[in-house]
Amino acid sequence: MSKSDLGLRRVAPAVWQYGLSVLSVAISTAVTFPLQGFGVRTSLFFPAVLLSTWFGGTGPGLLAVLLSTLSINFFFTEPFLAFQFSARDIPTTVAFFFSALVISSWSTSRKRAENRLRDSEYQLRKARNELEAKVEERTAKLLRANEELQTEIIERKSADEKLRRSEGFLAGGQRISHTGSWSWIVSSGKVAWSEEHFRIFGFDPEKTEPSFQLFLETVHPEDRSFIEQRLDEAVREKTGFDLEFRLALPDASTKHVQGIGRPALGPSGEVESYIGTTVDISERKRGEALFAGEKRLLEMIATGVALEEILNDLCLIIEEYRARSLASVLLLRLDGLHLESIAGPSLPKGWRQEMEKLPIGPCAGSCGTAAYRGSPVIVSDIATDPLWEVPEHRAAALSHGLRASWSNPILSSEGKVWELFVFMSAKCEARIRTTSRLSRRRPTWHELRLNVIVQRRICGPARKNIGI
């Protein structure tokens, strides 16, 4: 667009505004002519000034005041059709002129106020529209954020549930396999144990704070220096380790475990931490010991070792397999009323003699009652069990530190009681297996082996050698 076009655009509104002043004054003049006979001379010019000021502004309003004054003086003041002011016309002219200026000024102010109000309303409307748009935009963003948050919450809950299931599966698997997991920060000695690791070490996870020092204190004293040496070597050589050692638990029992660890190196290339597992291999060790014991017993039988020595060795094997138990073997004498203690290397000699004194019967302690019934008898507390009614027999057992017993009769091929395999303990066994369960179980390895050994030897000279 050229400069001349812009100039015309700016000039055009001014021409119309001033033309409106001229036109309105002309119309007022024309209308006043027929009405001047009724005394109307100046009043119709006020609307012309008002309209010119309202629609044209200050300039056109002042022009309308000037033209109206001239028109009144020229057309409606004597002498007519001449511009002449007399002293008599001055008050009227001044009054009109002043009134017209007031009206023009008021109209201008009012117009400006309305324009400002209109501008304010426009700005307010614009601001409101912008605010509504921003609110809508922010609301949409919040809705999207809320949807994303809800989705994230659902995904996190799902992930947490999967994690809990995974942890449950892991904990269940560790319990079944007797495998605990752990981590060890070498520099600080800080460790973390899984729940199964706490159980293996005999500690309550709710009441125990794990530490490397606690681990070392739980290792069996005979294995402790070996473990410390091997761990120092592993850290120094930046290697893993696979160690078998024993634990001395708070309840005075011993466990065999296998510890496997793998190193994690830090930025400096030194061992920063280890992670690994600890497996309870006590059952495996007991099985290995039992297998070795069976092999030794077979060799003793094959080489003709004395029956008493074989049975004593069998008792020692079983005591190693069943910790904190004292094993013994009793034979039923030919009179069918008394028992003969032919093996029991760990039992006090006085108690073995006491067992031989009491005849079998329905309330003859654990051994005599089991031989009488021909079925297993379990007593978890000798001090209170009614089967131990004979005061001397009960007192003798308690005086030798015996508190619980399990007597299991072993029958011959004809179904008669040959011998008894007996376990006794210095501690009340509240969790000992029930008689009903024992009565339905299959014979254990040591019971079968005992039966074979005794029946092989009992029929020969060995029976005479032991005085039966």
Protein backbone atom coordinates (compact mmCIF):
# COMPACT_ATOMS: atom_id res chain seq x y z
CA MET A 1 0.00 0.00 0.00
CA SER A 2 1.37 3.47 -1.01
CA LYS A 3 1.82 6.46 1.32
CA SER A 4 -0.89 8.37 -0.52
CA ASP A 5 -3.40 5.57 0.14
CA LEU A 6 -2.49 5.65 3.83
CA GLY A 7 -2.91 9.44 3.87
CA LEU A 8 -6.35 9.18 2.29
CA ARG A 9 -7.38 6.56 4.85
CA ARG A 10 -6.41 8.94 7.64
CA VAL A 11 -8.03 12.05 6.02
CA ALA A 12 -11.35 10.38 5.14
CA PRO A 13 -12.69 10.04 8.72
CA ALA A 14 -11.80 13.67 9.53
CA VAL A 15 -13.70 14.94 6.47
CA TRP A 16 -16.78 13.05 7.47
CA GLN A 17 -16.55 14.23 11.09
CA TYR A 18 -16.27 17.93 10.16
CA GLY A 19 -18.84 17.49 7.41
CA LEU A 20 -21.22 16.15 10.05
CA SER A 21 -20.75 19.40 12.02
CA VAL A 22 -21.60 21.51 8.98
CA LEU A 23 -24.56 19.32 8.09
CA SER A 24 -26.02 19.27 11.59
CA VAL A 25 -25.75 23.07 11.91
CA ALA A 26 -27.38 23.49 8.50
CA ILE A 27 -30.24 21.19 9.46
CA SER A 28 -30.70 23.06 12.77
CA THR A 29 -30.78 26.36 10.86
CA ALA A 30 -33.35 25.04 8.39
CA VAL A 31 -35.61 23.69 11.09
CA THR A 32 -35.39 26.90 13.18
CA PHE A 33 -36.66 29.13 10.31
CA PRO A 34 -40.29 27.96 10.45
CA LEU A 35 -40.24 27.78 14.27
CA GLN A 36 -38.76 31.18 15.05
CA GLY A 37 -42.25 32.64 15.16
CA PHE A 38 -42.85 30.55 18.22
CA GLY A 39 -39.80 31.98 19.96
CA VAL A 40 -37.43 29.13 18.97
CA ARG A 41 -34.07 30.64 18.02
CA THR A 42 -31.13 28.84 19.68
CA SER A 43 -32.43 25.69 21.30
CA LEU A 44 -32.30 23.53 18.15
CA PHE A 45 -28.59 24.25 17.70
CA PHE A 46 -27.69 22.47 20.93
CA PRO A 47 -28.49 19.03 19.43
CA ALA A 48 -26.25 19.90 16.47
CA VAL A 49 -23.35 20.67 18.85
CA LEU A 50 -24.08 17.55 20.86
CA LEU A 51 -24.21 15.27 17.80
CA SER A 52 -21.09 16.83 16.27
CA THR A 53 -19.12 16.44 19.51
CA TRP A 54 -20.44 12.93 20.19
CA PHE A 55 -19.74 11.48 16.77
CA GLY A 56 -16.90 13.76 15.65
CA GLY A 57 -15.02 14.62 18.77
CA THR A 58 -13.70 17.91 20.18
CA GLY A 59 -12.71 19.54 16.87
CA PRO A 60 -16.00 18.96 15.07
CA GLY A 61 -17.85 19.96 18.27
CA LEU A 62 -16.05 23.31 18.49
CA LEU A 63 -16.70 23.86 14.78
CA ALA A 64 -20.41 23.21 15.41
CA VAL A 65 -20.38 25.76 18.27
CA LEU A 66 -18.73 28.35 16.04
CA LEU A 67 -21.03 27.72 13.06
CA SER A 68 -24.13 27.76 15.28
CA THR A 69 -23.10 31.10 16.81
CA LEU A 70 -22.55 32.57 13.36
CA SER A 71 -25.82 31.10 12.04
CA ILE A 72 -27.82 32.51 14.93
CA ASN A 73 -26.21 35.93 14.52
CA PHE A 74 -26.67 35.96 10.76
CA PHE A 75 -30.14 34.50 10.39
CA PHE A 76 -32.01 35.02 13.64
CA THR A 77 -30.60 38.23 15.19
CA GLU A 78 -31.56 41.71 13.99
CA PRO A 79 -30.53 42.99 11.61
CA PHE A 80 -31.21 39.76 9.78
CA LEU A 81 -28.83 38.41 7.16
CA ALA A 82 -25.94 40.45 8.50
CA PHE A 83 -23.08 39.79 10.92
CA GLN A 84 -23.56 42.54 13.41
CA PHE A 85 -23.34 42.39 17.20
CA SER A 86 -25.01 44.96 19.39
CA ALA A 87 -24.72 45.29 23.12
CA ARG A 88 -28.21 43.90 23.41
CA ASP A 89 -27.15 40.60 21.66
CA ILE A 90 -24.03 40.01 23.69
CA PRO A 91 -25.69 38.30 26.71
CA THR A 92 -27.69 35.98 24.47
CA THR A 93 -24.72 35.14 22.28
CA VAL A 94 -22.39 34.62 25.23
CA ALA A 95 -24.97 32.47 27.00
CA PHE A 96 -25.43 30.30 23.91
CA PHE A 97 -21.73 30.14 23.23
CA PHE A 98 -20.96 29.17 26.84
CA SER A 99 -23.79 26.63 26.95
CA ALA A 100 -22.69 25.12 23.67
CA LEU A 101 -19.11 24.82 24.95
CA VAL A 102 -20.34 23.14 28.14
CA ILE A 103 -22.46 20.72 26.12
CA SER A 104 -19.54 20.08 23.78
CA SER A 105 -17.15 19.54 26.68
CA TRP A 106 -19.62 17.29 28.48
CA SER A 107 -20.30 15.31 25.31
CA THR A 108 -16.57 14.93 24.69
CA SER A 109 -15.97 13.77 28.25
CA ARG A 110 -18.89 11.43 28.11
CA LYS A 111 -17.75 10.07 24.76
CA ARG A 112 -14.24 9.56 26.05
CA ALA A 113 -15.56 7.87 29.18
CA GLU A 114 -17.71 5.58 27.10
CA ASN A 115 -14.78 4.86 24.80
CA ARG A 116 -12.60 4.10 27.80
CA LEU A 117 -15.36 1.95 29.23
CA ARG A 118 -15.76 0.22 25.90
CA ASP A 119 -12.01 -0.29 25.71
CA SER A 120 -12.01 -1.56 29.27
CA GLU A 121 -14.85 -3.93 28.48
CA TYR A 122 -13.02 -5.06 25.38
CA GLN A 123 -9.79 -5.59 27.32
CA LEU A 124 -11.72 -7.32 30.08
CA ARG A 125 -13.53 -9.51 27.58
CA LYS A 126 -10.25 -10.25 25.86
CA ALA A 127 -8.58 -11.02 29.19
CA ARG A 128 -11.52 -13.23 30.16
CA ASN A 129 -11.37 -15.06 26.85
CA GLU A 130 -7.62 -15.51 27.24
CA LEU A 131 -8.11 -16.66 30.83
CA GLU A 132 -10.82 -19.10 29.80
CA ALA A 133 -8.58 -20.38 27.02
CA LYS A 134 -5.72 -20.79 29.47
CA VAL A 135 -8.02 -22.43 31.99
CA GLU A 136 -9.28 -24.81 29.33
CA GLU A 137 -5.73 -25.50 28.23
CA ARG A 138 -4.57 -26.00 31.82
CA THR A 139 -7.63 -28.14 32.57
CA ALA A 140 -6.88 -30.27 29.53
CA LYS A 141 -3.27 -30.59 30.67
CA LEU A 142 -4.39 -31.50 34.20
CA LEU A 143 -6.81 -34.07 32.82
CA ARG A 144 -4.06 -35.56 30.67
CA ALA A 145 -1.67 -35.48 33.64
CA ASN A 146 -4.32 -37.09 35.84
CA GLU A 147 -4.93 -39.80 33.26
CA GLU A 148 -1.19 -40.38 32.96
CA LEU A 149 -0.90 -40.44 36.76
CA GLN A 150 -3.76 -42.91 37.05
CA THR A 151 -2.14 -45.07 34.41
CA GLU A 152 1.19 -44.82 36.20
CA ILE A 153 -0.47 -45.70 39.52
CA ILE A 154 -2.13 -48.74 37.96
CA GLU A 155 1.15 -49.78 36.34
CA ARG A 156 3.03 -49.24 39.60
CA LYS A 157 0.44 -51.25 41.55
CA SER A 158 0.72 -53.99 38.97
CA ALA A 159 4.52 -53.85 39.19
CA ASP A 160 4.36 -53.89 43.00
CA GLU A 161 2.00 -56.85 42.92
CA LYS A 162 4.29 -58.69 40.50
CA LEU A 163 7.25 -57.81 42.72
CA ARG A 164 5.44 -59.09 45.80
CA ARG A 165 4.53 -62.31 43.99
CA SER A 166 8.10 -62.63 42.78
CA GLU A 167 9.43 -62.03 46.29
CA GLY A 168 6.90 -64.54 47.63
CA PHE A 169 7.99 -67.11 45.03
CA LEU A 170 11.64 -66.41 45.85
CA ALA A 171 11.06 -66.68 49.61
CA GLY A 172 9.04 -69.88 49.10
CA GLY A 173 11.74 -71.32 46.87
CA GLN A 174 14.41 -70.42 49.40
CA ARG A 175 12.43 -72.09 52.19
CA ILE A 176 11.95 -75.25 50.15
CA SER A 177 15.58 -75.44 49.05
CA HIS A 178 16.95 -74.16 52.40
CA THR A 179 18.85 -71.45 50.52
CA GLY A 180 19.41 -67.97 51.93
CA SER A 181 20.72 -64.98 49.97
CA TRP A 182 22.99 -62.21 51.26
CA SER A 183 25.09 -59.20 50.30
CA TRP A 184 28.29 -57.93 51.94
CA ILE A 185 29.93 -54.50 51.51
CA VAL A 186 33.59 -55.24 52.17
CA SER A 187 34.76 -51.76 53.22
CA SER A 188 32.06 -51.16 55.86
CA GLY A 189 31.25 -54.75 56.80
CA LYS A 190 27.55 -54.00 56.26
CA VAL A 191 25.50 -57.04 55.27
CA ALA A 192 21.92 -57.80 54.24
CA TRP A 193 20.27 -61.20 54.73
CA SER A 194 17.15 -62.74 53.27
CA GLU A 195 14.50 -64.17 55.58
CA GLU A 196 15.65 -67.73 54.92
CA HIS A 197 19.25 -66.73 55.69
CA PHE A 198 18.11 -65.54 59.12
CA ARG A 199 16.34 -68.88 59.66
CA ILE A 200 19.41 -70.87 58.67
CA PHE A 201 21.52 -68.91 61.16
CA GLY A 202 18.88 -69.31 63.88
CA PHE A 203 17.98 -65.62 64.27
CA ASP A 204 14.70 -63.70 64.23
CA PRO A 205 14.76 -61.12 61.38
CA GLU A 206 12.50 -58.80 63.39
CA LYS A 207 14.86 -58.73 66.39
CA THR A 208 18.32 -59.15 64.87
CA GLU A 209 20.51 -56.63 63.06
CA PRO A 210 22.75 -58.60 60.69
CA SER A 211 26.46 -57.82 60.52
CA PHE A 212 29.65 -59.42 59.32
CA GLN A 213 30.77 -59.78 62.93
CA LEU A 214 27.56 -61.65 63.79
CA PHE A 215 28.24 -63.97 60.87
CA LEU A 216 31.74 -64.74 62.14
CA GLU A 217 30.48 -65.28 65.68
CA THR A 218 27.94 -67.82 64.41
CA VAL A 219 30.54 -69.82 62.49
CA HIS A 220 31.69 -72.85 64.48
CA PRO A 221 34.82 -71.97 66.49
CA GLU A 222 36.78 -74.76 64.82
CA ASP A 223 35.97 -73.38 61.36
CA ARG A 224 36.22 -69.65 62.11
CA SER A 225 39.92 -69.08 61.37
CA PHE A 226 39.60 -71.10 58.15
CA ILE A 227 36.66 -68.94 57.00
CA GLU A 228 38.43 -65.67 57.83
CA GLN A 229 41.53 -66.81 55.93
CA ARG A 230 39.61 -67.90 52.84
CA LEU A 231 37.53 -64.71 52.74
CA ASP A 232 40.67 -62.55 53.03
CA GLU A 233 42.22 -64.49 50.16
CA ALA A 234 39.12 -64.06 48.01
CA VAL A 235 39.05 -60.28 48.58
CA ARG A 236 42.77 -59.94 47.97
CA GLU A 237 42.69 -62.03 44.78
CA LYS A 238 39.34 -60.51 43.62
CA THR A 239 37.75 -63.92 43.20
CA GLY A 240 34.62 -65.67 44.31
CA PHE A 241 34.46 -68.46 46.87
CA ASP A 242 32.63 -71.73 47.52
CA LEU A 243 33.06 -72.91 51.11
CA GLU A 244 31.56 -75.58 53.32
CA PHE A 245 31.60 -74.92 57.06
CA ARG A 246 29.64 -75.40 60.26
CA LEU A 247 27.45 -73.05 62.26
CA ALA A 248 27.17 -73.11 66.05
CA LEU A 249 23.58 -71.97 66.55
CA PRO A 250 22.17 -70.19 69.63
CA ASP A 251 20.23 -73.36 70.62
CA ALA A 252 23.57 -75.26 70.85
CA SER A 253 22.88 -77.26 67.68
CA THR A 254 25.25 -77.46 64.73
CA LYS A 255 24.46 -76.97 61.05
CA HIS A 256 26.50 -77.68 57.97
CA VAL A 257 26.21 -74.98 55.30
CA GLN A 258 27.68 -74.13 51.92
CA GLY A 259 28.49 -70.46 51.25
CA ILE A 260 28.94 -69.24 47.68
CA GLY A 261 29.93 -65.64 46.92
CA ARG A 262 30.66 -63.63 43.78
CA PRO A 263 32.55 -60.30 43.84
CA ALA A 264 31.47 -56.91 42.44
CA LEU A 265 34.38 -54.62 41.54
CA GLY A 266 34.28 -50.86 42.08
CA PRO A 267 35.62 -48.09 39.77
CA SER A 268 39.11 -48.54 41.26
CA GLY A 269 39.17 -52.20 40.27
CA GLU A 270 39.07 -53.38 43.88
CA VAL A 271 36.41 -55.65 45.35
CA GLU A 272 33.58 -53.42 46.54
CA SER A 273 31.03 -56.00 47.61
CA TYR A 274 29.96 -59.63 47.42
CA ILE A 275 26.59 -61.20 46.78
CA GLY A 276 25.87 -64.84 47.29
CA THR A 277 23.90 -67.66 48.86
CA THR A 278 24.11 -69.87 51.91
CA VAL A 279 22.65 -73.38 51.59
CA ASP A 280 21.78 -75.57 54.55
CA ILE A 281 23.46 -78.88 53.66
CA SER A 282 22.98 -80.52 57.04
CA GLU A 283 20.68 -83.19 55.61
CA ARG A 284 23.20 -83.97 52.89
CA LYS A 285 26.03 -84.20 55.41
CA ARG A 286 23.96 -86.44 57.65
CA GLY A 287 23.12 -88.60 54.65
CA GLU A 288 26.77 -88.83 53.72
CA ALA A 289 27.67 -89.72 57.31
CA LEU A 290 24.87 -92.29 57.38
CA PHE A 291 26.05 -93.82 54.12
CA ALA A 292 29.63 -93.96 55.42
CA GLY A 293 28.38 -95.51 58.66
CA GLU A 294 26.40 -98.15 56.80
CA LYS A 295 29.46 -99.00 54.76
CA ARG A 296 31.49 -99.31 57.94
CA LEU A 297 28.85 -101.52 59.55
CA LEU A 298 28.79 -103.83 56.54
CA GLU A 299 32.56 -104.13 56.70
CA MET A 300 32.34 -104.94 60.42
CA ILE A 301 29.70 -107.60 59.80
CA ALA A 302 31.72 -109.10 56.95
CA THR A 303 34.87 -109.27 59.05
CA GLY A 304 33.11 -110.90 62.01
CA VAL A 305 33.36 -108.04 64.53
CA ALA A 306 31.58 -108.74 67.84
CA LEU A 307 27.85 -107.96 67.94
CA GLU A 308 28.15 -105.54 70.86
CA GLU A 309 30.79 -103.50 69.05
CA ILE A 310 28.70 -103.39 65.87
CA LEU A 311 25.61 -102.23 67.75
CA ASN A 312 27.55 -99.61 69.70
CA ASP A 313 28.92 -98.29 66.44
CA LEU A 314 25.39 -98.26 65.01
CA CYS A 315 24.22 -96.20 68.01
CA LEU A 316 27.04 -93.69 67.48
CA ILE A 317 26.13 -93.36 63.81
CA ILE A 318 22.48 -92.69 64.68
CA GLU A 319 23.44 -90.19 67.40
CA GLU A 320 25.45 -88.28 64.84
CA TYR A 321 22.47 -88.35 62.50
CA ARG A 322 19.99 -87.36 65.23
CA ALA A 323 21.65 -84.57 67.17
CA ARG A 324 21.06 -84.37 70.94
CA SER A 325 19.76 -87.95 71.11
CA LEU A 326 21.23 -90.90 73.01
CA ALA A 327 20.68 -94.22 71.24
CA SER A 328 20.60 -97.71 72.75
CA VAL A 329 19.60 -101.25 71.80
CA LEU A 330 17.76 -103.64 74.14
CA LEU A 331 16.98 -107.32 73.55
CA LEU A 332 14.05 -109.15 75.07
CA ARG A 333 15.39 -111.95 77.28
CA LEU A 334 14.23 -115.52 76.87
CA ASP A 335 12.01 -115.20 79.94
CA GLY A 336 9.93 -112.67 77.99
CA LEU A 337 9.78 -110.36 81.02
CA HIS A 338 13.04 -108.44 81.15
CA LEU A 339 15.15 -106.45 78.71
CA GLU A 340 18.89 -106.73 78.17
CA SER A 341 20.90 -103.59 77.32
CA ILE A 342 23.43 -104.75 74.75
CA ALA A 343 24.41 -101.35 73.28
CA GLY A 344 24.28 -97.74 74.41
CA PRO A 345 27.73 -96.18 74.39
CA SER A 346 26.53 -92.70 75.35
CA LEU A 347 24.06 -93.65 78.07
CA PRO A 348 25.13 -93.64 81.75
CA LYS A 349 26.01 -97.17 82.90
CA GLY A 350 23.73 -96.81 85.92
CA TRP A 351 20.73 -96.14 83.72
CA ARG A 352 21.46 -99.13 81.51
CA GLN A 353 21.42 -101.31 84.58
CA GLU A 354 18.18 -99.68 85.76
CA MET A 355 16.43 -100.54 82.45
CA GLU A 356 17.29 -104.23 82.97
CA LYS A 357 15.68 -104.33 86.44
CA LEU A 358 12.11 -103.33 85.55
CA PRO A 359 9.96 -106.09 83.97
CA ILE A 360 7.93 -105.21 80.89
CA GLY A 361 4.31 -104.25 81.40
CA PRO A 362 1.57 -101.72 80.54
CA CYS A 363 3.17 -98.95 82.63
CA ALA A 364 6.84 -99.88 82.68
CA GLY A 365 8.34 -96.71 81.30
CA SER A 366 8.90 -96.26 77.57
CA CYS A 367 10.96 -99.40 76.93
CA GLY A 368 9.00 -101.89 79.01
CA THR A 369 5.66 -100.58 77.72
CA ALA A 370 6.81 -100.68 74.05
CA ALA A 371 8.01 -104.29 74.50
CA TYR A 372 4.70 -105.17 76.17
CA ARG A 373 2.52 -103.50 73.50
CA GLY A 374 4.67 -104.39 70.51
CA SER A 375 4.23 -100.84 69.21
CA PRO A 376 6.19 -97.57 69.47
CA VAL A 377 5.92 -95.50 72.65
CA ILE A 378 6.81 -91.83 72.82
CA VAL A 379 7.16 -89.88 76.06
CA SER A 380 7.85 -86.16 75.65
CA ASP A 381 8.21 -85.50 79.40
CA ILE A 382 9.30 -88.34 81.68
CA ALA A 383 8.62 -86.27 84.80
CA THR A 384 4.86 -86.12 84.15
CA ASP A 385 3.99 -89.03 81.84
CA PRO A 386 1.72 -91.69 83.46
CA LEU A 387 3.68 -94.54 81.80
CA TRP A 388 6.49 -93.78 84.24
CA GLU A 389 4.46 -94.55 87.34
CA VAL A 390 7.17 -96.60 89.07
CA PRO A 391 8.79 -93.96 91.31
CA GLU A 392 12.24 -95.55 91.40
CA HIS A 393 12.35 -95.90 87.61
CA ARG A 394 11.23 -92.28 87.02
CA ALA A 395 13.65 -90.94 89.66
CA ALA A 396 16.55 -92.90 88.17
CA ALA A 397 15.90 -91.47 84.69
CA LEU A 398 15.63 -87.92 85.97
CA SER A 399 18.73 -88.32 88.13
CA HIS A 400 20.73 -89.21 85.01
CA GLY A 401 19.46 -86.09 83.23
CA LEU A 402 17.02 -87.91 80.93
CA ARG A 403 13.78 -86.07 80.14
CA ALA A 404 12.24 -87.66 77.02
CA SER A 405 12.28 -91.05 75.31
CA TRP A 406 11.19 -92.88 72.18
CA SER A 407 11.11 -96.67 72.23
CA ASN A 408 10.44 -98.57 69.03
CA PRO A 409 10.12 -102.38 69.10
CA ILE A 410 11.57 -104.34 66.19
CA LEU A 411 9.65 -107.50 65.37
CA SER A 412 10.90 -110.82 64.09
CA SER A 413 9.58 -112.45 60.94
CA GLU A 414 6.99 -114.18 63.15
CA GLY A 415 5.76 -110.83 64.47
CA LYS A 416 7.30 -111.21 67.93
CA VAL A 417 9.32 -108.55 69.70
CA TRP A 418 13.04 -109.28 69.27
CA GLU A 419 14.64 -106.07 70.36
CA LEU A 420 14.01 -102.36 70.96
CA PHE A 421 15.70 -99.39 69.47
CA VAL A 422 15.57 -96.54 71.98
CA PHE A 423 16.27 -92.82 71.78
CA MET A 424 16.55 -90.74 74.92
CA SER A 425 17.05 -87.00 75.28
CA ALA A 426 18.16 -84.68 78.06
CA LYS A 427 15.51 -82.19 76.94
CA CYS A 428 11.72 -82.42 76.92
CA GLU A 429 10.71 -82.93 73.28
CA ALA A 430 7.44 -81.02 72.90
CA ARG A 431 7.54 -81.42 69.13
CA ILE A 432 8.34 -85.17 69.09
CA ARG A 433 6.40 -87.21 66.54
CA THR A 434 3.13 -88.71 67.70
CA THR A 435 2.65 -92.42 68.35
CA SER A 436 -0.13 -92.68 65.80
CA ARG A 437 2.13 -91.32 63.12
CA LEU A 438 4.96 -93.66 64.14
CA SER A 439 2.65 -96.64 64.13
CA ARG A 440 1.88 -96.03 60.45
CA ARG A 441 5.40 -95.22 59.26
CA ARG A 442 7.81 -97.55 57.52
CA PRO A 443 10.85 -98.86 59.45
CA THR A 444 13.85 -96.54 59.27
CA TRP A 445 17.22 -97.53 57.85
CA HIS A 446 18.81 -98.08 61.25
CA GLU A 447 15.86 -100.20 62.43
CA LEU A 448 16.13 -102.44 59.36
CA ARG A 449 19.89 -102.66 59.76
CA LEU A 450 19.51 -103.44 63.46
CA ASN A 451 17.01 -106.18 62.69
CA VAL A 452 19.32 -107.75 60.13
CA ILE A 453 22.35 -107.57 62.40
CA VAL A 454 20.62 -108.98 65.45
CA GLN A 455 18.76 -111.73 63.64
CA ARG A 456 21.94 -112.83 61.89
CA ARG A 457 23.86 -113.01 65.13
CA ILE A 458 21.14 -113.86 67.62
CA CYS A 459 20.65 -117.33 66.21
CA GLY A 460 24.30 -118.32 66.63
CA PRO A 461 26.86 -118.38 69.35
CA ALA A 462 26.63 -114.64 69.83
CA ARG A 463 23.30 -115.08 71.67
CA LYS A 464 24.96 -117.32 74.18
CA ASN A 465 27.92 -114.95 74.53
CA ILE A 466 25.65 -112.12 75.73
CA GLY A 467 23.94 -114.40 78.22
CA ILE A 468 20.49 -114.64 76.65
